[in-house]
Amino acid sequence: MLRPNRKRQSVSEIYRIAHRLLREGKTPQAIRQLQEGISRFPNQVLLLRSLADAHRQSGNFLEAISGYERVLEMEPRDEISLNGIGNCLLRMKRFHQALSYFQRILESNPDNVYALAGAGDAHLGMGQPEQALQAWEELLKRSPDNVFILNKIADHHRRQGRCELAMGYYERVLQVDEKNPYALVGLGACYAAQSDFKSALEIWKRALVQNSANVFVLSRIADAFRRMGQWEEAVENYRKVIALDKRNTAGLLGLAEACWRTGKIQEAIEALRRLLQVDPQNTKALQSLGELLEAQEEWEEALGCYERVLELSARDPKALLGKYRILFRSGDHGEELRAIETAIQEIDPVLLREKQAPELRALSAEEPWELSDVPTTTQSSQETPKRETGSKKGRSSRRAAQRTQ
């Protein structure tokens, strides 16, 4: 196969090949193609600007800025280069400098939608949300169907808790592009924020139709089922999340809770173990795993979990209490138990009495997750009857230990 003679390639051919490589995600090859072209045509603005764009897309912002500045030396009012520098500075969080470049464009061309969008982002980064909205609304006057800006405004209102306003903008996006995944996800989030999880699920399922492997959307669907107390559906969707992203810690924690709720204790334990392989210092997962293992009477591993929590947070009351329960069962750690009692009494004097008597047991499985936003089902809200178990001798020894306090 004959290779093309690069020495005979025109500027437009070099540009076309480079942009094809960029579209294919082959940025290093595109950069080499453009650099070779510039070595032959050193003053070609098209190639210089394209090379700067390629550097910006690859995250090499300083190199990109240098390239755009070379263009501006030849064409001081080049809007694409001014906008390119502004966007690099935005990514570098140098918002004041970025704004100055966007303003240079708007002084000569107030209708430049890219500069208006960038100016809004700069104002937002500077902590000036109202000026950001003003810039974006000005842009919409010139480009009312600009879905990128409509989504930006909607997102801003949603984050400020103004869900009704946000929903209006997301719906404007969907009037232009009914399958826009970003607007569908945002609109679903607004419904979820209003505790309308049924509507949120309907919206997110529409987004999932376009890409069934969208981990972000699957996670939102699983969370919605969790918050509705539909635990089997939550398990199913968390499993899909983990199948696609084995290191998704939020998904693993959600799967562990949903599995516990549906009686799949071993799967819950395995999910927490996998989570801790990814994030070994996750105290919430360590505490939850300890309590589930304790409920399964796997004392040694449960004790290891509590001790690991205490290495990370020496005064964690739940971990102290878990360690206390296990040591109390063994009956031969009097000095250490007294030290733990003293520590718990200093942190929460009620906690020890409530959780120790009349039976030393693992915390209820409601507590490890600490998910106050999860609606409590009838079954999980019923208090487990407290009863004494074990031999008469064992019960007597526990009562004696309680009296020493």
Protein backbone atom coordinates (compact mmCIF):
# COMPACT_ATOMS: atom_id res chain seq x y z
CA MET A 1 0.00 0.00 0.00
CA LEU A 2 1.43 3.38 -1.05
CA ARG A 3 1.70 5.97 1.67
CA PRO A 4 0.65 9.55 0.85
CA ASN A 5 3.54 11.89 0.05
CA ARG A 6 3.31 14.34 2.96
CA LYS A 7 5.51 16.85 1.17
CA ARG A 8 2.81 17.22 -1.47
CA GLN A 9 -0.10 17.59 0.98
CA SER A 10 -1.85 20.95 0.87
CA VAL A 11 -2.84 22.94 3.97
CA SER A 12 -6.46 21.84 3.57
CA GLU A 13 -5.43 18.16 3.30
CA ILE A 14 -3.27 18.39 6.43
CA TYR A 15 -6.15 20.07 8.27
CA ARG A 16 -8.69 17.47 7.11
CA ILE A 17 -6.50 14.49 8.12
CA ALA A 18 -5.76 16.04 11.53
CA HIS A 19 -9.43 16.63 12.28
CA ARG A 20 -10.32 13.09 11.25
CA LEU A 21 -7.71 11.83 13.71
CA LEU A 22 -9.14 14.09 16.42
CA ARG A 23 -12.66 12.75 15.81
CA GLU A 24 -11.30 9.21 16.13
CA GLY A 25 -9.72 10.10 19.47
CA LYS A 26 -6.18 9.87 18.09
CA THR A 27 -5.01 13.20 19.51
CA PRO A 28 -1.23 12.45 19.60
CA GLN A 29 -1.28 11.48 15.91
CA ALA A 30 -3.30 14.60 15.06
CA ILE A 31 -0.80 16.79 16.91
CA ARG A 32 2.13 15.22 15.00
CA GLN A 33 0.30 15.72 11.71
CA LEU A 34 -0.27 19.40 12.47
CA GLN A 35 3.28 19.97 13.72
CA GLU A 36 4.69 18.51 10.51
CA GLY A 37 2.32 20.72 8.53
CA ILE A 38 3.37 23.85 10.44
CA SER A 39 7.04 23.05 9.81
CA ARG A 40 6.21 23.44 6.08
CA PHE A 41 3.64 26.25 6.44
CA PRO A 42 4.78 28.17 9.57
CA ASN A 43 2.40 31.11 9.15
CA GLN A 44 -0.79 29.23 8.32
CA VAL A 45 -3.40 30.39 10.83
CA LEU A 46 -5.64 27.40 10.13
CA LEU A 47 -2.93 24.91 11.16
CA LEU A 48 -1.66 26.95 14.13
CA ARG A 49 -5.17 27.32 15.51
CA SER A 50 -5.96 23.65 14.93
CA LEU A 51 -2.81 22.63 16.80
CA ALA A 52 -3.81 24.86 19.72
CA ASP A 53 -7.29 23.27 19.68
CA ALA A 54 -5.72 19.79 19.78
CA HIS A 55 -3.55 20.74 22.76
CA ARG A 56 -6.61 22.15 24.55
CA GLN A 57 -8.60 18.97 23.94
CA SER A 58 -5.73 16.89 25.35
CA GLY A 59 -5.61 19.06 28.50
CA ASN A 60 -2.28 20.74 27.69
CA PHE A 61 -3.67 24.22 28.35
CA LEU A 62 -0.38 26.16 28.55
CA GLU A 63 0.73 24.79 25.18
CA ALA A 64 -2.70 25.58 23.74
CA ILE A 65 -2.56 29.18 25.02
CA SER A 66 0.89 29.59 23.46
CA GLY A 67 -0.49 28.37 20.14
CA TYR A 68 -3.49 30.71 20.22
CA GLU A 69 -1.19 33.65 21.07
CA ARG A 70 0.85 32.93 17.94
CA VAL A 71 -2.35 33.29 15.94
CA LEU A 72 -3.23 36.55 17.72
CA GLU A 73 0.16 38.00 16.81
CA MET A 74 -0.92 37.69 13.18
CA GLU A 75 -4.68 38.30 13.66
CA PRO A 76 -5.26 40.24 16.94
CA ARG A 77 -9.07 40.08 16.65
CA ASP A 78 -9.34 36.37 15.87
CA GLU A 79 -12.42 35.37 17.89
CA ILE A 80 -11.74 31.64 17.80
CA SER A 81 -8.31 32.10 19.41
CA LEU A 82 -9.59 34.58 21.98
CA ASN A 83 -12.36 32.14 22.87
CA GLY A 84 -9.86 29.27 22.99
CA ILE A 85 -7.63 31.10 25.49
CA GLY A 86 -10.70 32.02 27.55
CA ASN A 87 -11.76 28.38 27.72
CA CYS A 88 -8.26 27.23 28.69
CA LEU A 89 -8.22 29.79 31.51
CA LEU A 90 -11.65 28.58 32.66
CA ARG A 91 -10.31 25.03 32.93
CA MET A 92 -7.33 26.39 34.89
CA LYS A 93 -9.79 28.23 37.21
CA ARG A 94 -8.30 31.62 36.32
CA PHE A 95 -11.77 33.10 35.97
CA HIS A 96 -10.95 36.83 35.99
CA GLN A 97 -8.43 36.39 33.16
CA ALA A 98 -10.85 34.19 31.23
CA LEU A 99 -13.58 36.83 31.48
CA SER A 100 -11.27 39.48 30.02
CA TYR A 101 -10.81 37.42 26.84
CA PHE A 102 -14.53 36.80 26.43
CA GLN A 103 -15.17 40.53 26.94
CA ARG A 104 -12.66 41.36 24.19
CA ILE A 105 -14.79 39.31 21.81
CA LEU A 106 -18.08 40.85 22.98
CA GLU A 107 -16.79 44.41 22.59
CA SER A 108 -16.61 43.91 18.83
CA ASN A 109 -19.23 41.17 18.46
CA PRO A 110 -21.91 41.21 21.19
CA ASP A 111 -23.76 38.38 19.41
CA ASN A 112 -20.96 35.81 19.78
CA VAL A 113 -22.75 32.98 21.58
CA TYR A 114 -19.53 31.20 22.56
CA ALA A 115 -18.20 34.32 24.28
CA LEU A 116 -21.51 34.83 26.09
CA ALA A 117 -21.46 31.24 27.28
CA GLY A 118 -17.86 31.56 28.44
CA ALA A 119 -18.55 34.86 30.19
CA GLY A 120 -21.38 33.20 32.11
CA ASP A 121 -19.06 30.36 33.19
CA ALA A 122 -16.42 32.88 34.29
CA HIS A 123 -18.94 34.83 36.38
CA LEU A 124 -20.13 31.58 37.96
CA GLY A 125 -16.57 30.61 38.81
CA MET A 126 -16.05 34.05 40.38
CA GLY A 127 -19.06 33.50 42.63
CA GLN A 128 -21.34 35.81 40.67
CA PRO A 129 -24.30 33.58 39.73
CA GLU A 130 -26.67 36.42 38.85
CA GLN A 131 -24.20 37.86 36.32
CA ALA A 132 -23.76 34.34 34.93
CA LEU A 133 -27.52 33.99 34.44
CA GLN A 134 -27.66 37.42 32.85
CA ALA A 135 -25.00 36.43 30.30
CA TRP A 136 -26.73 33.15 29.50
CA GLU A 137 -30.17 34.77 29.19
CA GLU A 138 -28.65 37.32 26.82
CA LEU A 139 -27.31 34.44 24.77
CA LEU A 140 -30.76 32.82 24.63
CA LYS A 141 -32.18 36.00 23.09
CA ARG A 142 -29.84 35.39 20.16
CA SER A 143 -30.04 31.61 20.18
CA PRO A 144 -33.30 30.58 21.92
CA ASP A 145 -32.91 26.88 21.08
CA ASN A 146 -29.34 26.57 22.32
CA VAL A 147 -29.68 23.33 24.28
CA PHE A 148 -26.21 23.68 25.80
CA ILE A 149 -27.12 26.99 27.49
CA LEU A 150 -30.65 25.88 28.35
CA ASN A 151 -29.15 22.92 30.21
CA LYS A 152 -26.64 25.20 31.94
CA ILE A 153 -29.37 27.51 33.23
CA ALA A 154 -31.54 24.56 34.24
CA ASP A 155 -28.63 23.00 36.16
CA HIS A 156 -27.95 26.26 37.97
CA HIS A 157 -31.57 26.61 39.10
CA ARG A 158 -31.69 22.94 40.15
CA ARG A 159 -28.57 23.28 42.29
CA GLN A 160 -30.11 26.33 43.94
CA GLY A 161 -33.21 24.28 44.79
CA ARG A 162 -35.41 26.13 42.29
CA CYS A 163 -36.76 22.94 40.76
CA GLU A 164 -39.83 24.43 39.09
CA LEU A 165 -37.69 26.93 37.18
CA ALA A 166 -35.16 24.24 36.29
CA MET A 167 -37.86 21.91 34.98
CA GLY A 168 -39.10 24.62 32.64
CA TYR A 169 -35.65 24.94 31.04
CA TYR A 170 -35.14 21.17 30.80
CA GLU A 171 -38.52 20.89 29.08
CA ARG A 172 -37.46 23.59 26.60
CA VAL A 173 -34.44 21.43 25.76
CA LEU A 174 -36.67 18.39 25.24
CA GLN A 175 -38.93 20.37 22.90
CA VAL A 176 -35.87 20.88 20.69
CA ASP A 177 -34.30 17.45 21.28
CA GLU A 178 -36.70 14.99 22.91
CA LYS A 179 -33.91 12.46 23.51
CA ASN A 180 -31.38 14.85 25.03
CA PRO A 181 -29.87 12.64 27.79
CA TYR A 182 -28.53 15.53 29.85
CA ALA A 183 -31.95 17.18 30.10
CA LEU A 184 -33.65 13.87 30.86
CA VAL A 185 -31.26 13.17 33.73
CA GLY A 186 -31.67 16.71 35.09
CA LEU A 187 -35.45 16.65 34.81
CA GLY A 188 -35.54 13.31 36.62
CA ALA A 189 -33.35 14.78 39.36
CA CYS A 190 -35.86 17.62 39.83
CA TYR A 191 -38.71 15.14 40.30
CA ALA A 192 -36.57 13.15 42.74
CA ALA A 193 -35.78 16.31 44.71
CA GLN A 194 -39.54 16.77 45.10
CA SER A 195 -39.84 13.12 46.27
CA ASP A 196 -41.78 12.23 43.12
CA PHE A 197 -39.70 9.12 42.49
CA LYS A 198 -42.26 7.52 40.20
CA SER A 199 -42.00 10.40 37.72
CA ALA A 200 -38.22 10.47 38.13
CA LEU A 201 -38.04 6.79 37.21
CA GLU A 202 -40.17 7.31 34.11
CA ILE A 203 -37.86 10.11 32.93
CA TRP A 204 -34.63 8.23 33.68
CA LYS A 205 -35.90 5.12 31.90
CA ARG A 206 -36.38 7.27 28.79
CA ALA A 207 -32.70 8.25 29.05
CA LEU A 208 -31.72 4.61 29.48
CA VAL A 209 -33.43 3.60 26.23
CA GLN A 210 -30.70 5.41 24.30
CA ASN A 211 -27.86 3.77 26.21
CA SER A 212 -28.66 0.78 28.40
CA ALA A 213 -25.08 0.78 29.72
CA ASN A 214 -25.23 4.32 31.13
CA VAL A 215 -23.89 3.75 34.67
CA PHE A 216 -24.88 7.23 35.83
CA VAL A 217 -28.54 6.74 34.86
CA LEU A 218 -28.64 3.17 36.20
CA SER A 219 -27.31 4.47 39.52
CA ARG A 220 -30.07 7.09 39.68
CA ILE A 221 -32.70 4.43 38.94
CA ALA A 222 -31.31 2.12 41.63
CA ASP A 223 -31.26 4.99 44.14
CA ALA A 224 -34.87 5.87 43.33
CA PHE A 225 -36.01 2.30 43.97
CA ARG A 226 -34.03 2.34 47.22
CA ARG A 227 -35.70 5.53 48.37
CA MET A 228 -39.11 4.10 47.46
CA GLY A 229 -38.37 1.00 49.53
CA GLN A 230 -38.62 -1.27 46.47
CA TRP A 231 -35.62 -3.32 47.47
CA GLU A 232 -35.76 -6.16 44.90
CA GLU A 233 -35.77 -3.62 42.05
CA ALA A 234 -32.95 -1.75 43.78
CA VAL A 235 -30.89 -4.96 43.99
CA GLU A 236 -31.45 -5.65 40.29
CA ASN A 237 -30.30 -2.20 39.21
CA TYR A 238 -27.35 -1.98 41.61
CA ARG A 239 -26.17 -5.32 40.20
CA LYS A 240 -26.28 -3.78 36.71
CA VAL A 241 -24.24 -0.82 37.93
CA ILE A 242 -21.57 -3.08 39.46
CA ALA A 243 -21.47 -5.32 36.38
CA LEU A 244 -20.53 -2.25 34.33
CA ASP A 245 -18.34 -0.54 36.93
CA LYS A 246 -16.85 -2.99 39.43
CA ARG A 247 -15.20 -0.18 41.43
CA ASN A 248 -18.33 1.93 41.90
CA THR A 249 -18.26 2.46 45.68
CA ALA A 250 -21.68 4.14 45.92
CA GLY A 251 -23.18 1.28 43.92
CA LEU A 252 -21.52 -1.33 46.13
CA LEU A 253 -22.78 0.36 49.29
CA GLY A 254 -26.28 0.64 47.83
CA LEU A 255 -26.18 -3.02 46.77
CA ALA A 256 -25.11 -4.05 50.27
CA GLU A 257 -28.05 -2.27 51.88
CA ALA A 258 -30.58 -3.50 49.33
CA CYS A 259 -29.32 -7.07 49.73
CA TRP A 260 -29.62 -6.84 53.50
CA ARG A 261 -33.19 -5.54 53.16
CA THR A 262 -34.10 -8.52 51.00
CA GLY A 263 -32.40 -11.11 53.20
CA LYS A 264 -29.39 -11.66 50.93
CA ILE A 265 -26.95 -11.31 53.81
CA GLN A 266 -24.00 -13.07 52.22
CA GLU A 267 -24.25 -10.96 49.07
CA ALA A 268 -24.41 -7.83 51.26
CA ILE A 269 -21.23 -8.92 53.05
CA GLU A 270 -19.46 -9.65 49.77
CA ALA A 271 -20.45 -6.24 48.37
CA LEU A 272 -18.94 -4.51 51.40
CA ARG A 273 -15.76 -6.58 51.13
CA ARG A 274 -15.41 -5.59 47.47
CA LEU A 275 -16.02 -1.94 48.38
CA LEU A 276 -13.22 -2.09 50.95
CA GLN A 277 -10.83 -3.48 48.36
CA VAL A 278 -11.42 -0.27 46.40
CA ASP A 279 -11.63 2.09 49.38
CA PRO A 280 -10.01 0.41 52.42
CA GLN A 281 -10.49 3.51 54.62
CA ASN A 282 -14.26 3.77 54.12
CA THR A 283 -15.37 3.81 57.77
CA LYS A 284 -19.05 3.53 56.91
CA ALA A 285 -18.43 0.31 54.97
CA LEU A 286 -16.13 -1.03 57.70
CA GLN A 287 -18.74 -0.35 60.40
CA SER A 288 -21.56 -1.86 58.33
CA LEU A 289 -19.49 -4.94 57.51
CA GLY A 290 -18.56 -5.37 61.17
CA GLU A 291 -22.18 -5.26 62.27
CA LEU A 292 -23.35 -7.69 59.59
CA LEU A 293 -20.54 -10.10 60.43
CA GLU A 294 -21.34 -9.78 64.13
CA ALA A 295 -24.96 -10.67 63.40
CA GLN A 296 -23.64 -13.78 61.62
CA GLU A 297 -21.49 -14.57 64.71
CA GLU A 298 -18.26 -14.16 62.75
CA TRP A 299 -16.68 -12.51 65.76
CA GLU A 300 -13.04 -12.35 64.74
CA GLU A 301 -13.57 -10.62 61.38
CA ALA A 302 -16.20 -8.32 62.88
CA LEU A 303 -13.76 -7.29 65.62
CA GLY A 304 -11.14 -6.60 62.94
CA CYS A 305 -13.56 -4.23 61.18
CA TYR A 306 -14.30 -2.31 64.37
CA GLU A 307 -10.62 -2.03 65.22
CA ARG A 308 -9.87 -0.72 61.72
CA VAL A 309 -12.54 1.97 62.18
CA LEU A 310 -10.94 2.93 65.50
CA GLU A 311 -7.53 3.19 63.84
CA LEU A 312 -9.04 5.80 61.53
CA SER A 313 -11.33 7.45 64.11
CA ALA A 314 -10.33 6.60 67.68
CA ARG A 315 -13.53 7.94 69.29
CA ASP A 316 -16.08 6.48 66.91
CA PRO A 317 -18.91 5.50 69.31
CA LYS A 318 -20.43 2.74 67.15
CA ALA A 319 -17.07 1.07 66.58
CA LEU A 320 -16.25 1.32 70.30
CA LEU A 321 -19.62 -0.21 71.11
CA GLY A 322 -19.13 -3.00 68.58
CA LYS A 323 -15.74 -3.85 70.01
CA TYR A 324 -17.24 -3.71 73.52
CA ARG A 325 -19.98 -6.20 72.61
CA ILE A 326 -17.56 -8.73 71.16
CA LEU A 327 -15.07 -8.46 74.02
CA PHE A 328 -17.94 -8.68 76.52
CA ARG A 329 -19.05 -11.98 74.97
CA SER A 330 -15.59 -13.48 75.44
CA GLY A 331 -15.70 -12.54 79.14
CA ASP A 332 -11.95 -12.11 79.77
CA HIS A 333 -11.08 -8.52 78.82
CA GLY A 334 -12.09 -6.70 81.98
CA GLU A 335 -9.48 -3.93 81.88
CA GLU A 336 -9.99 -3.19 78.20
CA LEU A 337 -13.78 -3.25 78.63
CA ARG A 338 -13.55 -0.69 81.43
CA ALA A 339 -11.41 1.56 79.20
CA ILE A 340 -14.00 1.32 76.42
CA GLU A 341 -16.83 2.00 78.88
CA THR A 342 -15.05 5.14 80.04
CA ALA A 343 -14.57 6.33 76.45
CA ILE A 344 -18.23 5.68 75.55
CA GLN A 345 -19.45 7.37 78.71
CA GLU A 346 -17.49 10.48 77.72
CA ILE A 347 -18.95 10.48 74.21
CA ASP A 348 -22.54 9.34 74.84
CA PRO A 349 -23.43 8.00 78.32
CA VAL A 350 -26.87 6.82 77.13
CA LEU A 351 -25.51 4.75 74.24
CA LEU A 352 -23.92 2.03 76.36
CA ARG A 353 -27.02 1.42 78.51
CA GLU A 354 -29.41 1.37 75.57
CA LYS A 355 -27.38 -0.99 73.42
CA GLN A 356 -26.08 -3.32 76.10
CA ALA A 357 -29.23 -4.18 78.01
CA PRO A 358 -31.00 -6.47 78.24
CA GLU A 359 -29.11 -8.26 75.46
CA LEU A 360 -25.73 -7.52 73.91
CA ARG A 361 -26.46 -7.73 70.19
CA ALA A 362 -25.34 -6.16 66.96
CA LEU A 363 -26.93 -2.89 65.99
CA SER A 364 -30.13 -3.26 64.02
CA ALA A 365 -29.41 -3.39 60.31
CA GLU A 366 -31.28 -0.11 59.88
CA GLU A 367 -28.46 1.71 61.57
CA PRO A 368 -25.29 0.83 59.62
CA TRP A 369 -26.49 2.64 56.51
CA GLU A 370 -27.51 5.90 58.23
CA LEU A 371 -29.78 6.70 55.31
CA SER A 372 -32.20 9.17 56.83
CA ASP A 373 -33.72 9.87 53.42
CA VAL A 374 -34.85 6.27 52.93
CA PRO A 375 -38.55 5.77 53.64
CA THR A 376 -38.88 3.14 56.37
CA THR A 377 -40.94 0.15 55.34
CA THR A 378 -43.50 -1.34 57.71
CA GLN A 379 -41.31 -4.35 58.28
CA SER A 380 -38.10 -2.43 58.97
CA SER A 381 -39.83 0.10 61.21
CA GLN A 382 -41.09 -2.55 63.61
CA GLU A 383 -38.85 -2.82 66.64
CA THR A 384 -37.24 -6.17 67.17
CA PRO A 385 -38.51 -7.62 70.48
CA LYS A 386 -35.75 -7.75 73.05
CA ARG A 387 -35.28 -11.11 74.66
CA GLU A 388 -32.56 -12.91 76.50
CA THR A 389 -30.93 -15.88 74.87
CA GLY A 390 -28.43 -18.45 75.86
CA SER A 391 -28.13 -20.51 79.04
CA LYS A 392 -29.28 -19.38 82.47
CA LYS A 393 -25.62 -19.15 83.49
CA GLY A 394 -24.85 -16.90 80.50
CA ARG A 395 -27.78 -14.61 81.27
CA SER A 396 -26.71 -14.35 84.90
CA SER A 397 -23.16 -13.39 83.96
CA ARG A 398 -24.40 -10.66 81.63
CA ARG A 399 -26.67 -9.22 84.34
CA ALA A 400 -23.76 -9.25 86.76
CA ALA A 401 -21.58 -7.38 84.29
CA GLN A 402 -24.36 -4.81 83.78
CA ARG A 403 -24.65 -4.20 87.52
CA THR A 404 -20.94 -3.34 87.72
CA GLN A 405 -21.63 -0.28 85.59
